[in-house]
Amino acid sequence: MQHIPFYQLPLWVRLAAALTLLNTWILIAEFVIDRYGLDDYLPFYKYGDVCLWDIAVIIGIAILFVRASRAPRAADATTGNSAESTK
């Protein structure tokens, strides 16, 4: 079986992966943080409302999604060396 890089997957598959991560955060917030009262220990957390923690998770998932969706650069472009300079 051949490994398929994330950036080569169809867009809807990549979006489904990002939405799965967001859904995971929502479930953790509902079933762990809210249920056991851990919101008392999280600054800026609002029970049952969009808060700073939710925005931070959304931004984090978006950054990971964009970075993972980019095709890698060529090897010589990342090192700064061209073929002529190595001769």
PDB file of N, CA and C in Angstrom:
ATOM      1  N   MET A   1       0.846  -1.165   0.000  1.00  0.00           N
ATOM      2  CA  MET A   1       0.000   0.000   0.000  1.00  0.00           C
ATOM      3  C   MET A   1       0.901   1.240   0.000  1.00  0.00           C
ATOM      4  N   GLN A   2       0.532   2.211  -0.808  1.00  0.00           N
ATOM      5  CA  GLN A   2       1.339   3.410  -0.954  1.00  0.00           C
ATOM      6  C   GLN A   2       0.798   4.531  -0.055  1.00  0.00           C
ATOM      7  N   HIS A   3       1.710   5.275   0.531  1.00  0.00           N
ATOM      8  CA  HIS A   3       1.365   6.404   1.398  1.00  0.00           C
ATOM      9  C   HIS A   3       0.933   7.593   0.531  1.00  0.00           C
ATOM     10  N   ILE A   4      -0.212   8.195   0.862  1.00  0.00           N
ATOM     11  CA  ILE A   4      -0.701   9.372   0.139  1.00  0.00           C
ATOM     12  C   ILE A   4      -0.529  10.590   1.045  1.00  0.00           C
ATOM     13  N   PRO A   5       0.238  11.589   0.601  1.00  0.00           N
ATOM     14  CA  PRO A   5       0.389  12.802   1.417  1.00  0.00           C
ATOM     15  C   PRO A   5      -0.939  13.538   1.560  1.00  0.00           C
ATOM     16  N   PHE A   6      -1.059  14.267   2.665  1.00  0.00           N
ATOM     17  CA  PHE A   6      -2.312  14.968   2.971  1.00  0.00           C
ATOM     18  C   PHE A   6      -2.683  15.967   1.883  1.00  0.00           C
ATOM     19  N   TYR A   7      -1.697  16.677   1.328  1.00  0.00           N
ATOM     20  CA  TYR A   7      -1.995  17.710   0.332  1.00  0.00           C
ATOM     21  C   TYR A   7      -2.516  17.123  -0.978  1.00  0.00           C
ATOM     22  N   GLN A   8      -2.322  15.828  -1.222  1.00  0.00           N
ATOM     23  CA  GLN A   8      -2.811  15.213  -2.444  1.00  0.00           C
ATOM     24  C   GLN A   8      -4.236  14.669  -2.316  1.00  0.00           C
ATOM     25  N   LEU A   9      -4.765  14.679  -1.119  1.00  0.00           N
ATOM     26  CA  LEU A   9      -6.135  14.217  -0.921  1.00  0.00           C
ATOM     27  C   LEU A   9      -7.118  15.231  -1.502  1.00  0.00           C
ATOM     28  N   PRO A  10      -8.305  14.783  -1.897  1.00  0.00           N
ATOM     29  CA  PRO A  10      -9.312  15.741  -2.385  1.00  0.00           C
ATOM     30  C   PRO A  10      -9.679  16.747  -1.291  1.00  0.00           C
ATOM     31  N   LEU A  11     -10.127  17.906  -1.723  1.00  0.00           N
ATOM     32  CA  LEU A  11     -10.446  18.979  -0.786  1.00  0.00           C
ATOM     33  C   LEU A  11     -11.509  18.558   0.218  1.00  0.00           C
ATOM     34  N   TRP A  12     -12.532  17.839  -0.210  1.00  0.00           N
ATOM     35  CA  TRP A  12     -13.601  17.449   0.712  1.00  0.00           C
ATOM     36  C   TRP A  12     -13.088  16.496   1.781  1.00  0.00           C
ATOM     37  N   VAL A  13     -12.081  15.684   1.472  1.00  0.00           N
ATOM     38  CA  VAL A  13     -11.504  14.784   2.480  1.00  0.00           C
ATOM     39  C   VAL A  13     -10.706  15.599   3.501  1.00  0.00           C
ATOM     40  N   ARG A  14      -9.941  16.580   3.019  1.00  0.00           N
ATOM     41  CA  ARG A  14      -9.177  17.434   3.933  1.00  0.00           C
ATOM     42  C   ARG A  14     -10.107  18.254   4.824  1.00  0.00           C
ATOM     43  N   LEU A  15     -11.204  18.768   4.252  1.00  0.00           N
ATOM     44  CA  LEU A  15     -12.181  19.508   5.062  1.00  0.00           C
ATOM     45  C   LEU A  15     -12.858  18.603   6.089  1.00  0.00           C
ATOM     46  N   ALA A  16     -13.130  17.365   5.706  1.00  0.00           N
ATOM     47  CA  ALA A  16     -13.735  16.419   6.651  1.00  0.00           C
ATOM     48  C   ALA A  16     -12.785  16.146   7.814  1.00  0.00           C
ATOM     49  N   ALA A  17     -11.487  16.072   7.543  1.00  0.00           N
ATOM     50  CA  ALA A  17     -10.515  15.871   8.618  1.00  0.00           C
ATOM     51  C   ALA A  17     -10.493  17.076   9.562  1.00  0.00           C
ATOM     52  N   ALA A  18     -10.538  18.288   9.012  1.00  0.00           N
ATOM     53  CA  ALA A  18     -10.554  19.493   9.840  1.00  0.00           C
ATOM     54  C   ALA A  18     -11.838  19.573  10.670  1.00  0.00           C
ATOM     55  N   LEU A  19     -12.962  19.236  10.065  1.00  0.00           N
ATOM     56  CA  LEU A  19     -14.230  19.264  10.806  1.00  0.00           C
ATOM     57  C   LEU A  19     -14.267  18.187  11.888  1.00  0.00           C
ATOM     58  N   THR A  20     -13.596  17.072  11.662  1.00  0.00           N
ATOM     59  CA  THR A  20     -13.508  16.037  12.688  1.00  0.00           C
ATOM     60  C   THR A  20     -12.745  16.548  13.909  1.00  0.00           C
ATOM     61  N   LEU A  21     -11.656  17.284  13.668  1.00  0.00           N
ATOM     62  CA  LEU A  21     -10.911  17.867  14.786  1.00  0.00           C
ATOM     63  C   LEU A  21     -11.756  18.889  15.543  1.00  0.00           C
ATOM     64  N   LEU A  22     -12.515  19.708  14.810  1.00  0.00           N
ATOM     65  CA  LEU A  22     -13.389  20.682  15.455  1.00  0.00           C
ATOM     66  C   LEU A  22     -14.481  19.981  16.265  1.00  0.00           C
ATOM     67  N   ASN A  23     -15.049  18.941  15.720  1.00  0.00           N
ATOM     68  CA  ASN A  23     -16.074  18.180  16.428  1.00  0.00           C
ATOM     69  C   ASN A  23     -15.502  17.534  17.691  1.00  0.00           C
ATOM     70  N   THR A  24     -14.262  17.095  17.618  1.00  0.00           N
ATOM     71  CA  THR A  24     -13.605  16.519  18.793  1.00  0.00           C
ATOM     72  C   THR A  24     -13.489  17.557  19.907  1.00  0.00           C
ATOM     73  N   TRP A  25     -13.106  18.782  19.552  1.00  0.00           N
ATOM     74  CA  TRP A  25     -13.023  19.844  20.563  1.00  0.00           C
ATOM     75  C   TRP A  25     -14.399  20.113  21.171  1.00  0.00           C
ATOM     76  N   ILE A  26     -15.427  20.168  20.347  1.00  0.00           N
ATOM     77  CA  ILE A  26     -16.772  20.440  20.850  1.00  0.00           C
ATOM     78  C   ILE A  26     -17.207  19.349  21.827  1.00  0.00           C
ATOM     79  N   LEU A  27     -16.921  18.098  21.498  1.00  0.00           N
ATOM     80  CA  LEU A  27     -17.289  17.000  22.392  1.00  0.00           C
ATOM     81  C   LEU A  27     -16.505  17.046  23.697  1.00  0.00           C
ATOM     82  N   ILE A  28     -15.228  17.383  23.622  1.00  0.00           N
ATOM     83  CA  ILE A  28     -14.434  17.511  24.853  1.00  0.00           C
ATOM     84  C   ILE A  28     -14.995  18.643  25.714  1.00  0.00           C
ATOM     85  N   ALA A  29     -15.336  19.758  25.080  1.00  0.00           N
ATOM     86  CA  ALA A  29     -15.880  20.887  25.833  1.00  0.00           C
ATOM     87  C   ALA A  29     -17.211  20.520  26.488  1.00  0.00           C
ATOM     88  N   GLU A  30     -18.065  19.832  25.766  1.00  0.00           N
ATOM     89  CA  GLU A  30     -19.398  19.488  26.300  1.00  0.00           C
ATOM     90  C   GLU A  30     -19.336  18.389  27.356  1.00  0.00           C
ATOM     91  N   PHE A  31     -18.632  17.300  27.047  1.00  0.00           N
ATOM     92  CA  PHE A  31     -18.699  16.115  27.912  1.00  0.00           C
ATOM     93  C   PHE A  31     -17.644  16.078  29.009  1.00  0.00           C
ATOM     94  N   VAL A  32     -16.609  16.873  28.903  1.00  0.00           N
ATOM     95  CA  VAL A  32     -15.580  16.853  29.940  1.00  0.00           C
ATOM     96  C   VAL A  32     -15.538  18.187  30.685  1.00  0.00           C
ATOM     97  N   ILE A  33     -15.300  19.264  29.957  1.00  0.00           N
ATOM     98  CA  ILE A  33     -15.109  20.568  30.615  1.00  0.00           C
ATOM     99  C   ILE A  33     -16.397  21.043  31.281  1.00  0.00           C
ATOM    100  N   ASP A  34     -17.503  21.039  30.546  1.00  0.00           N
ATOM    101  CA  ASP A  34     -18.760  21.531  31.112  1.00  0.00           C
ATOM    102  C   ASP A  34     -19.333  20.574  32.153  1.00  0.00           C
ATOM    103  N   ARG A  35     -19.278  19.296  31.888  1.00  0.00           N
ATOM    104  CA  ARG A  35     -19.912  18.323  32.781  1.00  0.00           C
ATOM    105  C   ARG A  35     -19.236  18.241  34.141  1.00  0.00           C
ATOM    106  N   TYR A  36     -17.896  18.315  34.150  1.00  0.00           N
ATOM    107  CA  TYR A  36     -17.179  18.145  35.415  1.00  0.00           C
ATOM    108  C   TYR A  36     -16.781  19.470  36.056  1.00  0.00           C
ATOM    109  N   GLY A  37     -17.240  20.577  35.509  1.00  0.00           N
ATOM    110  CA  GLY A  37     -16.990  21.865  36.125  1.00  0.00           C
ATOM    111  C   GLY A  37     -15.571  22.378  35.961  1.00  0.00           C
ATOM    112  N   LEU A  38     -14.873  21.882  34.960  1.00  0.00           N
ATOM    113  CA  LEU A  38     -13.504  22.342  34.741  1.00  0.00           C
ATOM    114  C   LEU A  38     -13.457  23.761  34.187  1.00  0.00           C
ATOM    115  N   ASP A  39     -14.600  24.287  33.795  1.00  0.00           N
ATOM    116  CA  ASP A  39     -14.627  25.656  33.274  1.00  0.00           C
ATOM    117  C   ASP A  39     -14.272  26.677  34.352  1.00  0.00           C
ATOM    118  N   ASP A  40     -14.366  26.296  35.609  1.00  0.00           N
ATOM    119  CA  ASP A  40     -13.961  27.196  36.689  1.00  0.00           C
ATOM    120  C   ASP A  40     -12.453  27.446  36.679  1.00  0.00           C
ATOM    121  N   TYR A  41     -11.695  26.513  36.115  1.00  0.00           N
ATOM    122  CA  TYR A  41     -10.241  26.603  36.114  1.00  0.00           C
ATOM    123  C   TYR A  41      -9.674  27.129  34.798  1.00  0.00           C
ATOM    124  N   LEU A  42     -10.523  27.398  33.817  1.00  0.00           N
ATOM    125  CA  LEU A  42     -10.075  27.916  32.528  1.00  0.00           C
ATOM    126  C   LEU A  42     -10.424  29.395  32.422  1.00  0.00           C
ATOM    127  N   PRO A  43      -9.419  30.252  32.395  1.00  0.00           N
ATOM    128  CA  PRO A  43      -9.731  31.681  32.275  1.00  0.00           C
ATOM    129  C   PRO A  43     -10.351  31.983  30.911  1.00  0.00           C
ATOM    130  N   PHE A  44     -11.286  32.885  30.880  1.00  0.00           N
ATOM    131  CA  PHE A  44     -11.993  33.348  29.680  1.00  0.00           C
ATOM    132  C   PHE A  44     -12.894  32.276  29.064  1.00  0.00           C
ATOM    133  N   TYR A  45     -13.184  31.186  29.786  1.00  0.00           N
ATOM    134  CA  TYR A  45     -14.080  30.160  29.266  1.00  0.00           C
ATOM    135  C   TYR A  45     -15.510  30.519  29.648  1.00  0.00           C
ATOM    136  N   LYS A  46     -16.414  30.471  28.672  1.00  0.00           N
ATOM    137  CA  LYS A  46     -17.824  30.769  28.926  1.00  0.00           C
ATOM    138  C   LYS A  46     -18.639  29.505  28.697  1.00  0.00           C
ATOM    139  N   TYR A  47     -19.423  29.160  29.680  1.00  0.00           N
ATOM    140  CA  TYR A  47     -20.249  27.964  29.604  1.00  0.00           C
ATOM    141  C   TYR A  47     -21.345  28.144  28.555  1.00  0.00           C
ATOM    142  N   GLY A  48     -21.385  27.250  27.563  1.00  0.00           N
ATOM    143  CA  GLY A  48     -22.442  27.245  26.567  1.00  0.00           C
ATOM    144  C   GLY A  48     -22.405  28.374  25.559  1.00  0.00           C
ATOM    145  N   ASP A  49     -21.280  29.068  25.443  1.00  0.00           N
ATOM    146  CA  ASP A  49     -21.170  30.183  24.507  1.00  0.00           C
ATOM    147  C   ASP A  49     -19.792  30.122  23.861  1.00  0.00           C
ATOM    148  N   VAL A  50     -19.664  30.765  22.722  1.00  0.00           N
ATOM    149  CA  VAL A  50     -18.367  30.808  22.055  1.00  0.00           C
ATOM    150  C   VAL A  50     -17.424  31.662  22.892  1.00  0.00           C
ATOM    151  N   CYS A  51     -16.244  31.128  23.149  1.00  0.00           N
ATOM    152  CA  CYS A  51     -15.307  31.836  24.015  1.00  0.00           C
ATOM    153  C   CYS A  51     -13.928  31.868  23.367  1.00  0.00           C
ATOM    154  N   LEU A  52     -12.977  32.424  24.102  1.00  0.00           N
ATOM    155  CA  LEU A  52     -11.615  32.547  23.611  1.00  0.00           C
ATOM    156  C   LEU A  52     -10.995  31.189  23.315  1.00  0.00           C
ATOM    157  N   TRP A  53     -11.309  30.190  24.104  1.00  0.00           N
ATOM    158  CA  TRP A  53     -10.772  28.846  23.885  1.00  0.00           C
ATOM    159  C   TRP A  53     -11.286  28.268  22.567  1.00  0.00           C
ATOM    160  N   ASP A  54     -12.548  28.474  22.269  1.00  0.00           N
ATOM    161  CA  ASP A  54     -13.116  27.992  21.005  1.00  0.00           C
ATOM    162  C   ASP A  54     -12.452  28.671  19.810  1.00  0.00           C
ATOM    163  N   ILE A  55     -12.245  29.966  19.920  1.00  0.00           N
ATOM    164  CA  ILE A  55     -11.611  30.709  18.831  1.00  0.00           C
ATOM    165  C   ILE A  55     -10.169  30.246  18.651  1.00  0.00           C
ATOM    166  N   ALA A  56      -9.471  29.995  19.753  1.00  0.00           N
ATOM    167  CA  ALA A  56      -8.087  29.518  19.668  1.00  0.00           C
ATOM    168  C   ALA A  56      -8.012  28.156  18.986  1.00  0.00           C
ATOM    169  N   VAL A  57      -8.949  27.270  19.300  1.00  0.00           N
ATOM    170  CA  VAL A  57      -8.966  25.950  18.664  1.00  0.00           C
ATOM    171  C   VAL A  57      -9.273  26.079  17.175  1.00  0.00           C
ATOM    172  N   ILE A  58     -10.213  26.931  16.821  1.00  0.00           N
ATOM    173  CA  ILE A  58     -10.556  27.130  15.409  1.00  0.00           C
ATOM    174  C   ILE A  58      -9.354  27.680  14.640  1.00  0.00           C
ATOM    175  N   ILE A  59      -8.665  28.659  15.211  1.00  0.00           N
ATOM    176  CA  ILE A  59      -7.488  29.215  14.546  1.00  0.00           C
ATOM    177  C   ILE A  59      -6.385  28.160  14.436  1.00  0.00           C
ATOM    178  N   GLY A  60      -6.184  27.389  15.485  1.00  0.00           N
ATOM    179  CA  GLY A  60      -5.172  26.329  15.449  1.00  0.00           C
ATOM    180  C   GLY A  60      -5.459  25.284  14.385  1.00  0.00           C
ATOM    181  N   ILE A  61      -6.709  24.860  14.281  1.00  0.00           N
ATOM    182  CA  ILE A  61      -7.079  23.885  13.259  1.00  0.00           C
ATOM    183  C   ILE A  61      -6.905  24.482  11.870  1.00  0.00           C
ATOM    184  N   ALA A  62      -7.271  25.751  11.699  1.00  0.00           N
ATOM    185  CA  ALA A  62      -7.111  26.403  10.396  1.00  0.00           C
ATOM    186  C   ALA A  62      -5.644  26.490   9.994  1.00  0.00           C
ATOM    187  N   ILE A  63      -4.769  26.827  10.937  1.00  0.00           N
ATOM    188  CA  ILE A  63      -3.337  26.912  10.635  1.00  0.00           C
ATOM    189  C   ILE A  63      -2.787  25.536  10.270  1.00  0.00           C
ATOM    190  N   LEU A  64      -3.147  24.522  11.027  1.00  0.00           N
ATOM    191  CA  LEU A  64      -2.697  23.167  10.703  1.00  0.00           C
ATOM    192  C   LEU A  64      -3.222  22.714   9.350  1.00  0.00           C
ATOM    193  N   PHE A  65      -4.469  23.056   9.053  1.00  0.00           N
ATOM    194  CA  PHE A  65      -5.076  22.672   7.779  1.00  0.00           C
ATOM    195  C   PHE A  65      -4.336  23.318   6.610  1.00  0.00           C
ATOM    196  N   VAL A  66      -4.047  24.606   6.715  1.00  0.00           N
ATOM    197  CA  VAL A  66      -3.365  25.316   5.631  1.00  0.00           C
ATOM    198  C   VAL A  66      -1.942  24.792   5.450  1.00  0.00           C
ATOM    199  N   ARG A  67      -1.234  24.579   6.556  1.00  0.00           N
ATOM    200  CA  ARG A  67       0.145  24.081   6.460  1.00  0.00           C
ATOM    201  C   ARG A  67       0.195  22.678   5.899  1.00  0.00           C
ATOM    202  N   ALA A  68      -0.740  21.823   6.276  1.00  0.00           N
ATOM    203  CA  ALA A  68      -0.735  20.450   5.781  1.00  0.00           C
ATOM    204  C   ALA A  68      -1.230  20.361   4.343  1.00  0.00           C
ATOM    205  N   SER A  69      -1.998  21.345   3.891  1.00  0.00           N
ATOM    206  CA  SER A  69      -2.543  21.311   2.539  1.00  0.00           C
ATOM    207  C   SER A  69      -1.580  21.857   1.492  1.00  0.00           C
ATOM    208  N   ARG A  70      -0.530  22.526   1.926  1.00  0.00           N
ATOM    209  CA  ARG A  70       0.435  23.067   0.967  1.00  0.00           C
ATOM    210  C   ARG A  70       1.349  21.959   0.457  1.00  0.00           C
ATOM    211  N   ALA A  71       1.638  22.005  -0.837  1.00  0.00           N
ATOM    212  CA  ALA A  71       2.589  21.063  -1.414  1.00  0.00           C
ATOM    213  C   ALA A  71       3.989  21.447  -0.942  1.00  0.00           C
ATOM    214  N   PRO A  72       4.835  20.458  -0.684  1.00  0.00           N
ATOM    215  CA  PRO A  72       6.191  20.795  -0.228  1.00  0.00           C
ATOM    216  C   PRO A  72       6.992  21.474  -1.334  1.00  0.00           C
ATOM    217  N   ARG A  73       7.921  22.306  -0.911  1.00  0.00           N
ATOM    218  CA  ARG A  73       8.790  22.984  -1.867  1.00  0.00           C
ATOM    219  C   ARG A  73       9.833  22.008  -2.377  1.00  0.00           C
ATOM    220  N   ALA A  74      10.487  22.392  -3.459  1.00  0.00           N
ATOM    221  CA  ALA A  74      11.580  21.576  -3.978  1.00  0.00           C
ATOM    222  C   ALA A  74      12.728  21.585  -2.969  1.00  0.00           C
ATOM    223  N   ALA A  75      13.524  20.539  -2.954  1.00  0.00           N
ATOM    224  CA  ALA A  75      14.592  20.401  -1.961  1.00  0.00           C
ATOM    225  C   ALA A  75      15.620  21.513  -2.084  1.00  0.00           C
ATOM    226  N   ASP A  76      15.956  21.925  -3.299  1.00  0.00           N
ATOM    227  CA  ASP A  76      16.962  22.970  -3.446  1.00  0.00           C
ATOM    228  C   ASP A  76      16.403  24.344  -3.079  1.00  0.00           C
ATOM    229  N   ALA A  77      15.100  24.537  -3.132  1.00  0.00           N
ATOM    230  CA  ALA A  77      14.519  25.821  -2.759  1.00  0.00           C
ATOM    231  C   ALA A  77      14.510  26.009  -1.243  1.00  0.00           C
ATOM    232  N   THR A  78      14.401  24.939  -0.490  1.00  0.00           N
ATOM    233  CA  THR A  78      14.358  25.053   0.966  1.00  0.00           C
ATOM    234  C   THR A  78      15.740  25.251   1.552  1.00  0.00           C
ATOM    235  N   THR A  79      16.766  24.715   0.907  1.00  0.00           N
ATOM    236  CA  THR A  79      18.112  24.860   1.452  1.00  0.00           C
ATOM    237  C   THR A  79      18.789  26.130   0.985  1.00  0.00           C
ATOM    238  N   GLY A  80      18.291  26.739  -0.084  1.00  0.00           N
ATOM    239  CA  GLY A  80      18.892  27.962  -0.589  1.00  0.00           C
ATOM    240  C   GLY A  80      20.028  27.716  -1.552  1.00  0.00           C
ATOM    241  N   ASN A  81      20.304  26.445  -1.840  1.00  0.00           N
ATOM    242  CA  ASN A  81      21.392  26.109  -2.754  1.00  0.00           C
ATOM    243  C   ASN A  81      20.826  25.837  -4.141  1.00  0.00           C
ATOM    244  N   SER A  82      21.470  26.371  -5.128  1.00  0.00           N
ATOM    245  CA  SER A  82      21.077  26.050  -6.490  1.00  0.00           C
ATOM    246  C   SER A  82      22.072  25.047  -7.058  1.00  0.00           C
ATOM    247  N   ALA A  83      21.748  24.456  -8.190  1.00  0.00           N
ATOM    248  CA  ALA A  83      22.609  23.460  -8.812  1.00  0.00           C
ATOM    249  C   ALA A  83      23.918  24.090  -9.250  1.00  0.00           C
ATOM    250  N   GLU A  84      23.909  25.344  -9.651  1.00  0.00           N
ATOM    251  CA  GLU A  84      25.116  26.003 -10.116  1.00  0.00           C
ATOM    252  C   GLU A  84      26.091  26.310  -8.974  1.00  0.00           C
ATOM    253  N   SER A  85      25.567  26.587  -7.789  1.00  0.00           N
ATOM    254  CA  SER A  85      26.454  26.960  -6.685  1.00  0.00           C
ATOM    255  C   SER A  85      27.148  25.757  -6.090  1.00  0.00           C
ATOM    256  N   THR A  86      26.698  24.532  -6.363  1.00  0.00           N
ATOM    257  CA  THR A  86      27.333  23.347  -5.816  1.00  0.00           C
ATOM    258  C   THR A  86      28.420  22.799  -6.713  1.00  0.00           C
ATOM    259  N   LYS A  87      28.606  23.373  -7.911  1.00  0.00           N
ATOM    260  CA  LYS A  87      29.646  22.885  -8.838  1.00  0.00           C
ATOM    261  C   LYS A  87      31.011  23.335  -8.418  1.00  0.00           C
TER     262      LYS A  87
END
